[in-house]
């Protein structure tokens, strides 16, 4: 009797059903279609990986959900028996929090946000380190000194990535500029095409982007211009012109989070301070045109021949610099950060003093534009 009472008290202390004794049914809510080949596609690839890996896990998903309607879809997933729900867009944040408060016995995790609850964690596999590496390469490849960036929404995440990219560009090419065009859509191939063509008309000859399709890659390739893939491996869309890119491994986070729920470590009572911020050193992101290809071999010679006089390393090729920086950031004992001071914004204000690194809070709330960014910047202080 004492043993039974002890078990009952332990379950009560957890404040949840004994997840480890039942099957987890996880629902995923995507802002775009899973065929976008960008953000939502990458999340769904990860969903399928963990679904296949664990026999105690069942997953379902809803795609192309408008950000203002996320609560309606959460209600549907709860009615379908989901006891864990992942919402995968910054604009889902407030709706997810409201739902978490309505459904205290369901575990929630919101991607890219900062609001949490006892039963709601946050998570992010962030690309700012990878964008910086891509920027080093872009700075060496531009001939006009103008690099185009097709951007989705002017939120801190996207601004952080553009800034890191620009810091990399100017580390190897101090006079180069990153020209930004906002399209105010996560997935809109027509708008991405129009923005890319406009940037080409301005003289941009290398491209990066935040839009969930390979459109920018394809439009740039039609003009014989190099680009960097985004979220999913885009090498096959333009093998001669995709130089590198940002690859994500959401499955690393999903596996860790779900296993901890299954084992009873995460409950509906202890998630208020659970925030995954996984980078290169955790294996959540990867630099590459496709997995295992950091740099497209077609561009290796150009990068090896582009030699700079670096303040820390002396005469060095950009090719060598890429791998030095990559190793510094991928090592668990990270010894370099792209926002290592001194860093100035484009209005000349010192935002990161010499010898300092930006805090996590400063990174996720970034609004300013770094030196070298050209174009409108909504919310710029």
Protein backbone atom coordinates (compact mmCIF):
# COMPACT_ATOMS: atom_id res chain seq x y z
CA UNK A 1 0.00 0.00 0.00
CA UNK A 2 2.86 2.37 0.82
CA UNK A 3 4.46 1.67 -2.56
CA UNK A 4 1.20 2.42 -4.40
CA UNK A 5 0.78 5.64 -2.43
CA UNK A 6 4.35 6.69 -3.26
CA UNK A 7 3.75 6.17 -6.97
CA UNK A 8 0.50 8.14 -6.81
CA UNK A 9 2.23 11.00 -5.02
CA UNK A 10 5.02 11.02 -7.61
CA UNK A 11 2.51 11.33 -10.45
CA UNK A 12 0.69 14.12 -8.61
CA UNK A 13 4.02 15.89 -8.09
CA UNK A 14 4.64 15.78 -11.83
CA UNK A 15 1.24 17.37 -12.33
CA UNK A 16 0.60 15.42 -15.53
CA UNK A 17 -0.50 12.07 -16.79
CA UNK A 18 2.35 9.56 -16.69
CA UNK A 19 3.52 10.21 -20.25
CA UNK A 20 6.07 7.42 -19.98
CA UNK A 21 3.22 4.93 -19.57
CA UNK A 22 1.27 5.98 -22.63
CA UNK A 23 1.74 6.93 -26.23
CA UNK A 24 2.57 10.51 -27.05
CA UNK A 25 0.50 12.07 -29.81
CA UNK A 26 2.25 15.21 -31.06
CA UNK A 27 0.64 17.77 -33.34
CA UNK A 28 2.69 20.14 -35.51
CA UNK A 29 1.33 23.43 -36.85
CA UNK A 30 3.13 24.94 -39.86
CA UNK A 31 2.81 28.45 -41.24
CA UNK A 32 3.58 27.37 -44.80
CA UNK A 33 2.94 24.33 -46.98
CA UNK A 34 5.23 21.37 -46.40
CA UNK A 35 6.12 21.54 -50.07
CA UNK A 36 7.64 25.01 -49.68
CA UNK A 37 11.15 23.52 -49.50
CA UNK A 38 12.03 25.98 -46.79
CA UNK A 39 11.06 26.45 -43.15
CA UNK A 40 7.90 24.33 -43.00
CA UNK A 41 9.40 21.62 -45.20
CA UNK A 42 12.39 21.35 -42.85
CA UNK A 43 10.16 21.05 -39.78
CA UNK A 44 8.16 18.31 -41.47
CA UNK A 45 11.28 16.38 -42.45
CA UNK A 46 12.24 16.42 -38.76
CA UNK A 47 8.73 15.36 -37.72
CA UNK A 48 8.94 12.33 -39.97
CA UNK A 49 12.38 11.42 -38.63
CA UNK A 50 11.24 11.32 -35.00
CA UNK A 51 7.93 9.67 -35.90
CA UNK A 52 9.79 6.79 -37.53
CA UNK A 53 12.30 6.53 -34.70
CA UNK A 54 9.99 6.06 -31.71
CA UNK A 55 7.25 3.43 -31.51
CA UNK A 56 5.64 5.32 -28.61
CA UNK A 57 5.16 8.43 -30.74
CA UNK A 58 2.37 9.30 -33.16
CA UNK A 59 2.48 12.62 -35.05
CA UNK A 60 0.04 14.64 -37.15
CA UNK A 61 0.41 18.05 -38.75
CA UNK A 62 -1.53 20.99 -40.15
CA UNK A 63 0.06 23.10 -42.88
CA UNK A 64 -0.40 26.63 -44.28
CA UNK A 65 -2.01 27.98 -41.10
CA UNK A 66 -2.55 31.78 -41.01
CA UNK A 67 -0.75 33.18 -37.98
CA UNK A 68 -3.89 34.84 -36.59
CA UNK A 69 -5.83 31.57 -36.67
CA UNK A 70 -3.46 29.31 -34.76
CA UNK A 71 -5.80 28.87 -31.77
CA UNK A 72 -8.51 27.38 -33.97
CA UNK A 73 -6.10 24.75 -35.21
CA UNK A 74 -4.76 24.07 -31.72
CA UNK A 75 -8.34 23.41 -30.61
CA UNK A 76 -8.70 20.90 -33.44
CA UNK A 77 -5.49 19.08 -32.50
CA UNK A 78 -6.54 18.87 -28.86
CA UNK A 79 -9.88 17.37 -29.92
CA UNK A 80 -7.93 14.83 -31.97
CA UNK A 81 -6.11 13.71 -28.84
CA UNK A 82 -2.78 15.52 -29.11
CA UNK A 83 -1.07 15.82 -25.74
CA UNK A 84 1.97 17.64 -27.17
CA UNK A 85 1.67 20.49 -29.67
CA UNK A 86 4.47 22.27 -31.56
CA UNK A 87 3.72 25.64 -33.20
CA UNK A 88 6.37 26.67 -35.68
CA UNK A 89 6.14 30.36 -36.50
CA UNK A 90 7.00 33.53 -34.59
CA UNK A 91 3.50 34.89 -35.27
CA UNK A 92 1.94 31.89 -33.48
CA UNK A 93 3.42 32.99 -30.15
CA UNK A 94 0.53 34.81 -28.47
CA UNK A 95 -2.06 32.32 -29.72
CA UNK A 96 0.02 29.44 -28.42
CA UNK A 97 0.35 31.07 -25.00
CA UNK A 98 -3.41 31.65 -24.81
CA UNK A 99 -4.05 28.02 -25.73
CA UNK A 100 -1.50 26.79 -23.19
CA UNK A 101 -3.41 28.64 -20.50
CA UNK A 102 -6.69 27.06 -21.68
CA UNK A 103 -5.27 23.55 -21.90
CA UNK A 104 -3.11 23.11 -18.76
CA UNK A 105 -2.82 19.34 -19.30
CA UNK A 106 -1.28 19.67 -22.77
CA UNK A 107 2.42 20.34 -23.36
CA UNK A 108 3.21 23.10 -25.86
CA UNK A 109 6.45 24.20 -27.52
CA UNK A 110 6.67 27.35 -29.62
CA UNK A 111 9.42 27.85 -32.18
CA UNK A 112 11.34 31.16 -32.38
CA UNK A 113 9.40 33.01 -29.68
CA UNK A 114 10.20 34.14 -26.16
CA UNK A 115 6.96 33.74 -24.17
CA UNK A 116 6.65 30.66 -21.99
CA UNK A 117 4.29 29.10 -19.47
CA UNK A 118 4.36 26.21 -17.00
CA UNK A 119 3.27 23.94 -19.84
CA UNK A 120 4.84 25.87 -22.73
CA UNK A 121 8.52 25.81 -23.73
CA UNK A 122 10.30 27.65 -26.55
CA UNK A 123 12.92 26.44 -28.99
CA UNK A 124 15.06 27.64 -31.87
CA UNK A 125 17.75 26.21 -34.13
CA UNK A 126 19.28 29.54 -35.05
CA UNK A 127 21.24 30.38 -38.18
CA UNK A 128 23.11 33.55 -37.25
CA UNK A 129 26.47 31.74 -37.08
CA UNK A 130 25.79 30.03 -40.41
CA UNK A 131 24.76 33.28 -42.08
CA UNK A 132 28.03 34.82 -40.91
CA UNK A 133 29.98 32.00 -42.60
CA UNK A 134 27.93 32.47 -45.77
CA UNK A 135 28.71 36.18 -45.57
CA UNK A 136 32.45 35.51 -45.58
CA UNK A 137 32.00 33.57 -48.82
CA UNK A 138 29.67 36.15 -50.38
CA UNK A 139 32.08 38.98 -49.65
CA UNK A 140 34.79 37.16 -51.58
CA UNK A 141 32.59 36.33 -54.58
CA UNK A 142 30.94 39.68 -55.30
CA UNK A 143 32.42 41.63 -58.18
CA UNK A 144 30.14 44.66 -57.93
CA UNK A 145 30.39 45.03 -54.15
CA UNK A 146 26.59 44.72 -53.96
CA UNK A 147 25.02 41.63 -52.45
CA UNK A 148 21.26 41.12 -52.57
CA UNK A 149 19.13 39.87 -49.69
CA UNK A 150 15.44 39.00 -50.15
CA UNK A 151 13.91 39.19 -46.66
CA UNK A 152 10.56 38.04 -45.30
CA UNK A 153 9.39 40.01 -42.25
CA UNK A 154 11.42 42.62 -40.32
CA UNK A 155 11.42 40.69 -37.04
CA UNK A 156 14.49 40.34 -34.77
CA UNK A 157 15.28 36.85 -36.06
CA UNK A 158 15.57 37.96 -39.68
CA UNK A 159 17.41 41.16 -38.73
CA UNK A 160 19.89 39.12 -36.68
CA UNK A 161 20.59 36.88 -39.67
CA UNK A 162 21.04 39.77 -42.10
CA UNK A 163 23.37 41.53 -39.68
CA UNK A 164 25.49 38.42 -39.10
CA UNK A 165 25.67 37.85 -42.86
CA UNK A 166 26.75 41.46 -43.41
CA UNK A 167 29.42 41.24 -40.70
CA UNK A 168 30.85 38.25 -42.53
CA UNK A 169 30.72 40.04 -45.88
CA UNK A 170 32.58 43.07 -44.59
CA UNK A 171 35.16 41.06 -42.67
CA UNK A 172 36.61 40.02 -46.03
CA UNK A 173 35.38 42.91 -48.19
CA UNK A 174 35.06 46.08 -46.06
CA UNK A 175 33.44 48.21 -48.77
CA UNK A 176 30.79 45.70 -49.86
CA UNK A 177 27.11 46.35 -49.14
CA UNK A 178 24.12 44.10 -48.48
CA UNK A 179 21.01 45.45 -50.20
CA UNK A 180 17.79 44.31 -48.53
CA UNK A 181 14.31 43.96 -50.03
CA UNK A 182 11.40 43.05 -47.73
CA UNK A 183 8.51 41.04 -49.19
CA UNK A 184 6.39 40.64 -46.00
CA UNK A 185 5.69 36.99 -46.73
CA UNK A 186 7.27 33.77 -45.51
CA UNK A 187 6.28 31.93 -48.67
CA UNK A 188 5.60 33.88 -51.84
CA UNK A 189 7.61 32.74 -54.87
CA UNK A 190 6.19 35.52 -57.08
CA UNK A 191 7.24 38.24 -54.63
CA UNK A 192 10.65 36.60 -54.17
CA UNK A 193 11.16 36.53 -57.94
CA UNK A 194 10.22 40.20 -58.29
CA UNK A 195 12.52 41.23 -55.43
CA UNK A 196 15.44 39.24 -56.84
CA UNK A 197 15.01 40.77 -60.27
CA UNK A 198 14.89 44.26 -58.74
CA UNK A 199 18.10 43.61 -56.82
CA UNK A 200 19.79 42.33 -59.98
CA UNK A 201 18.75 45.56 -61.71
CA UNK A 202 20.46 47.48 -58.89
CA UNK A 203 23.72 45.67 -59.61
CA UNK A 204 23.64 42.93 -56.98
CA UNK A 205 25.55 39.84 -58.09
CA UNK A 206 25.39 37.44 -55.10
CA UNK A 207 22.20 36.48 -53.23
CA UNK A 208 20.94 35.30 -49.86
CA UNK A 209 17.36 35.25 -48.63
CA UNK A 210 14.68 34.39 -46.10
CA UNK A 211 11.74 33.05 -48.12
CA UNK A 212 10.59 29.47 -48.08
CA UNK A 213 11.13 28.44 -51.68
CA UNK A 214 14.14 28.01 -54.00
CA UNK A 215 12.93 30.94 -56.14
CA UNK A 216 15.84 33.29 -55.36
CA UNK A 217 18.31 30.52 -56.17
CA UNK A 218 16.59 29.80 -59.48
CA UNK A 219 16.24 33.44 -60.58
CA UNK A 220 19.87 34.19 -59.72
CA UNK A 221 21.02 31.08 -61.59
CA UNK A 222 19.17 32.19 -64.72
CA UNK A 223 21.47 35.23 -64.74
CA UNK A 224 24.56 33.16 -63.91
CA UNK A 225 24.80 34.56 -60.38
CA UNK A 226 25.76 32.66 -57.20
CA UNK A 227 23.47 32.29 -54.20
CA UNK A 228 23.09 30.59 -50.84
CA UNK A 229 20.36 28.05 -50.12
CA UNK A 230 17.98 28.54 -47.22
CA UNK A 231 16.78 25.95 -44.65
CA UNK A 232 16.65 22.98 -47.00
CA UNK A 233 19.44 21.77 -49.31
CA UNK A 234 18.93 23.70 -52.55
CA UNK A 235 22.02 22.51 -54.41
CA UNK A 236 19.99 20.40 -56.85
CA UNK A 237 18.01 23.45 -58.01
CA UNK A 238 21.16 25.13 -59.34
CA UNK A 239 24.26 22.90 -58.98
CA UNK A 240 26.49 25.44 -60.71
CA UNK A 241 25.38 28.43 -58.66
CA UNK A 242 24.43 27.36 -55.11
CA UNK A 243 27.67 28.07 -53.26
CA UNK A 244 26.69 27.09 -49.74
CA UNK A 245 23.71 27.72 -47.49
CA UNK A 246 21.97 27.19 -44.18
CA UNK A 247 20.80 23.67 -43.31
CA UNK A 248 18.72 22.84 -40.25
CA UNK A 249 18.32 19.69 -38.17
CA UNK A 250 15.12 20.30 -36.21
CA UNK A 251 15.05 16.59 -35.40
CA UNK A 252 17.89 17.16 -32.90
CA UNK A 253 15.61 19.38 -30.81
CA UNK A 254 12.42 17.38 -31.36
CA UNK A 255 14.09 14.15 -30.30
CA UNK A 256 15.57 15.66 -27.14
CA UNK A 257 12.30 17.35 -26.16
CA UNK A 258 10.02 14.36 -26.82
CA UNK A 259 12.27 11.83 -25.09
CA UNK A 260 12.35 14.04 -22.00
CA UNK A 261 8.55 14.18 -22.01
CA UNK A 262 8.30 10.43 -22.44
CA UNK A 263 10.71 9.86 -19.56
CA UNK A 264 8.78 12.23 -17.31
CA UNK A 265 11.51 14.86 -17.11
CA UNK A 266 9.41 17.52 -18.85
CA UNK A 267 5.88 17.95 -17.55
CA UNK A 268 3.01 20.41 -17.76
CA UNK A 269 4.38 22.07 -14.62
CA UNK A 270 8.05 22.74 -15.30
CA UNK A 271 8.48 24.28 -18.77
CA UNK A 272 8.40 27.99 -17.88
CA UNK A 273 12.20 28.19 -18.10
CA UNK A 274 12.81 25.63 -20.86
CA UNK A 275 14.21 27.41 -23.90
CA UNK A 276 16.27 25.60 -26.51
CA UNK A 277 18.76 27.85 -28.30
CA UNK A 278 20.72 25.34 -30.33
CA UNK A 279 23.43 26.35 -32.78
CA UNK A 280 26.39 24.80 -34.60
CA UNK A 281 27.88 23.29 -31.45
CA UNK A 282 24.68 21.33 -30.73
CA UNK A 283 24.43 20.04 -34.30
CA UNK A 284 21.08 21.75 -34.85
CA UNK A 285 22.34 23.70 -37.87
CA UNK A 286 24.86 23.05 -40.61
CA UNK A 287 26.73 25.14 -43.19
CA UNK A 288 26.35 23.75 -46.67
CA UNK A 289 24.93 23.68 -50.17
CA UNK A 290 23.73 20.21 -49.16
CA UNK A 291 24.56 17.95 -46.21
CA UNK A 292 28.28 17.28 -46.08
CA UNK A 293 29.13 19.91 -48.71
CA UNK A 294 30.20 23.05 -46.85
CA UNK A 295 31.26 24.76 -50.07
CA UNK A 296 30.32 23.82 -53.62
CA UNK A 297 33.60 22.52 -55.16
CA UNK A 298 33.06 24.80 -58.16
CA UNK A 299 33.84 27.79 -55.90
CA UNK A 300 36.74 26.43 -53.89
CA UNK A 301 39.45 27.77 -56.21
CA UNK A 302 38.02 31.30 -56.18
CA UNK A 303 37.88 31.29 -52.38
CA UNK A 304 41.40 29.88 -52.06
CA UNK A 305 42.69 32.61 -54.38
CA UNK A 306 40.91 35.42 -52.50
CA UNK A 307 43.55 36.35 -49.93
CA UNK A 308 43.04 39.04 -47.31
CA UNK A 309 45.18 40.58 -44.59
CA UNK A 310 43.13 39.59 -41.56
CA UNK A 311 43.68 41.43 -38.24
CA UNK A 312 43.71 38.15 -36.29
CA UNK A 313 45.30 35.72 -38.76
CA UNK A 314 47.44 37.83 -41.10
CA UNK A 315 47.47 36.82 -44.76
CA UNK A 316 44.85 34.15 -45.21
CA UNK A 317 42.53 32.90 -47.93
CA UNK A 318 38.80 33.19 -47.40
CA UNK A 319 38.60 29.43 -47.87
CA UNK A 320 40.89 28.91 -44.87
CA UNK A 321 39.08 31.58 -42.86
CA UNK A 322 35.72 29.87 -43.40
CA UNK A 323 36.91 26.65 -41.82
CA UNK A 324 38.75 28.37 -38.96
CA UNK A 325 35.59 30.27 -38.01
CA UNK A 326 33.42 27.22 -38.52
CA UNK A 327 35.60 25.17 -36.18
CA UNK A 328 35.66 27.96 -33.60
CA UNK A 329 31.85 28.08 -33.46
CA UNK A 330 31.12 24.36 -33.86
CA UNK A 331 33.35 23.39 -30.94
CA UNK A 332 31.44 23.06 -27.63
CA UNK A 333 33.89 25.53 -26.10
CA UNK A 334 32.96 28.25 -28.62
CA UNK A 335 35.84 30.73 -29.02
CA UNK A 336 34.34 33.17 -31.52
CA UNK A 337 31.03 34.91 -32.14
CA UNK A 338 30.04 36.99 -35.19
CA UNK A 339 28.82 39.80 -32.93
CA UNK A 340 32.12 40.01 -31.07
CA UNK A 341 32.84 43.67 -30.35
CA UNK A 342 33.51 46.27 -31.42
CA UNK A 343 30.32 46.29 -33.50
CA UNK A 344 28.70 49.52 -34.73
CA UNK A 345 25.23 50.02 -36.14
CA UNK A 346 24.83 51.80 -39.45
CA UNK A 347 24.22 55.09 -37.67
CA UNK A 348 27.69 54.90 -36.17
CA UNK A 349 26.65 53.94 -32.65
CA UNK A 350 28.74 51.40 -30.75
CA UNK A 351 26.38 48.55 -29.87
CA UNK A 352 28.90 45.90 -28.80
CA UNK A 353 32.04 47.16 -27.02
CA UNK A 354 35.44 45.72 -27.87
CA UNK A 355 36.08 42.35 -26.27
CA UNK A 356 32.39 41.77 -25.50
CA UNK A 357 29.81 39.35 -26.96
CA UNK A 358 26.11 39.99 -27.23
CA UNK A 359 23.85 38.38 -24.65
CA UNK A 360 21.13 35.95 -25.65
CA UNK A 361 18.47 38.55 -24.79
CA UNK A 362 20.19 41.15 -26.95
CA UNK A 363 20.39 38.71 -29.87
CA UNK A 364 16.72 37.73 -29.81
CA UNK A 365 15.50 41.33 -29.54
CA UNK A 366 17.82 42.83 -32.16
CA UNK A 367 16.31 45.76 -34.09
CA UNK A 368 19.28 47.82 -35.32
CA UNK A 369 21.10 47.40 -38.64
CA UNK A 370 24.83 46.85 -38.82
CA UNK A 371 27.17 48.95 -40.97
CA UNK A 372 26.94 47.85 -44.60
CA UNK A 373 23.20 47.14 -44.69
CA UNK A 374 21.41 49.21 -47.36
CA UNK A 375 17.66 49.64 -47.62
CA UNK A 376 14.63 50.24 -45.39
CA UNK A 377 14.76 48.79 -41.89
CA UNK A 378 11.38 49.00 -40.11
CA UNK A 379 11.72 49.46 -36.37
CA UNK A 380 15.27 50.78 -36.59
CA UNK A 381 16.14 52.65 -33.36
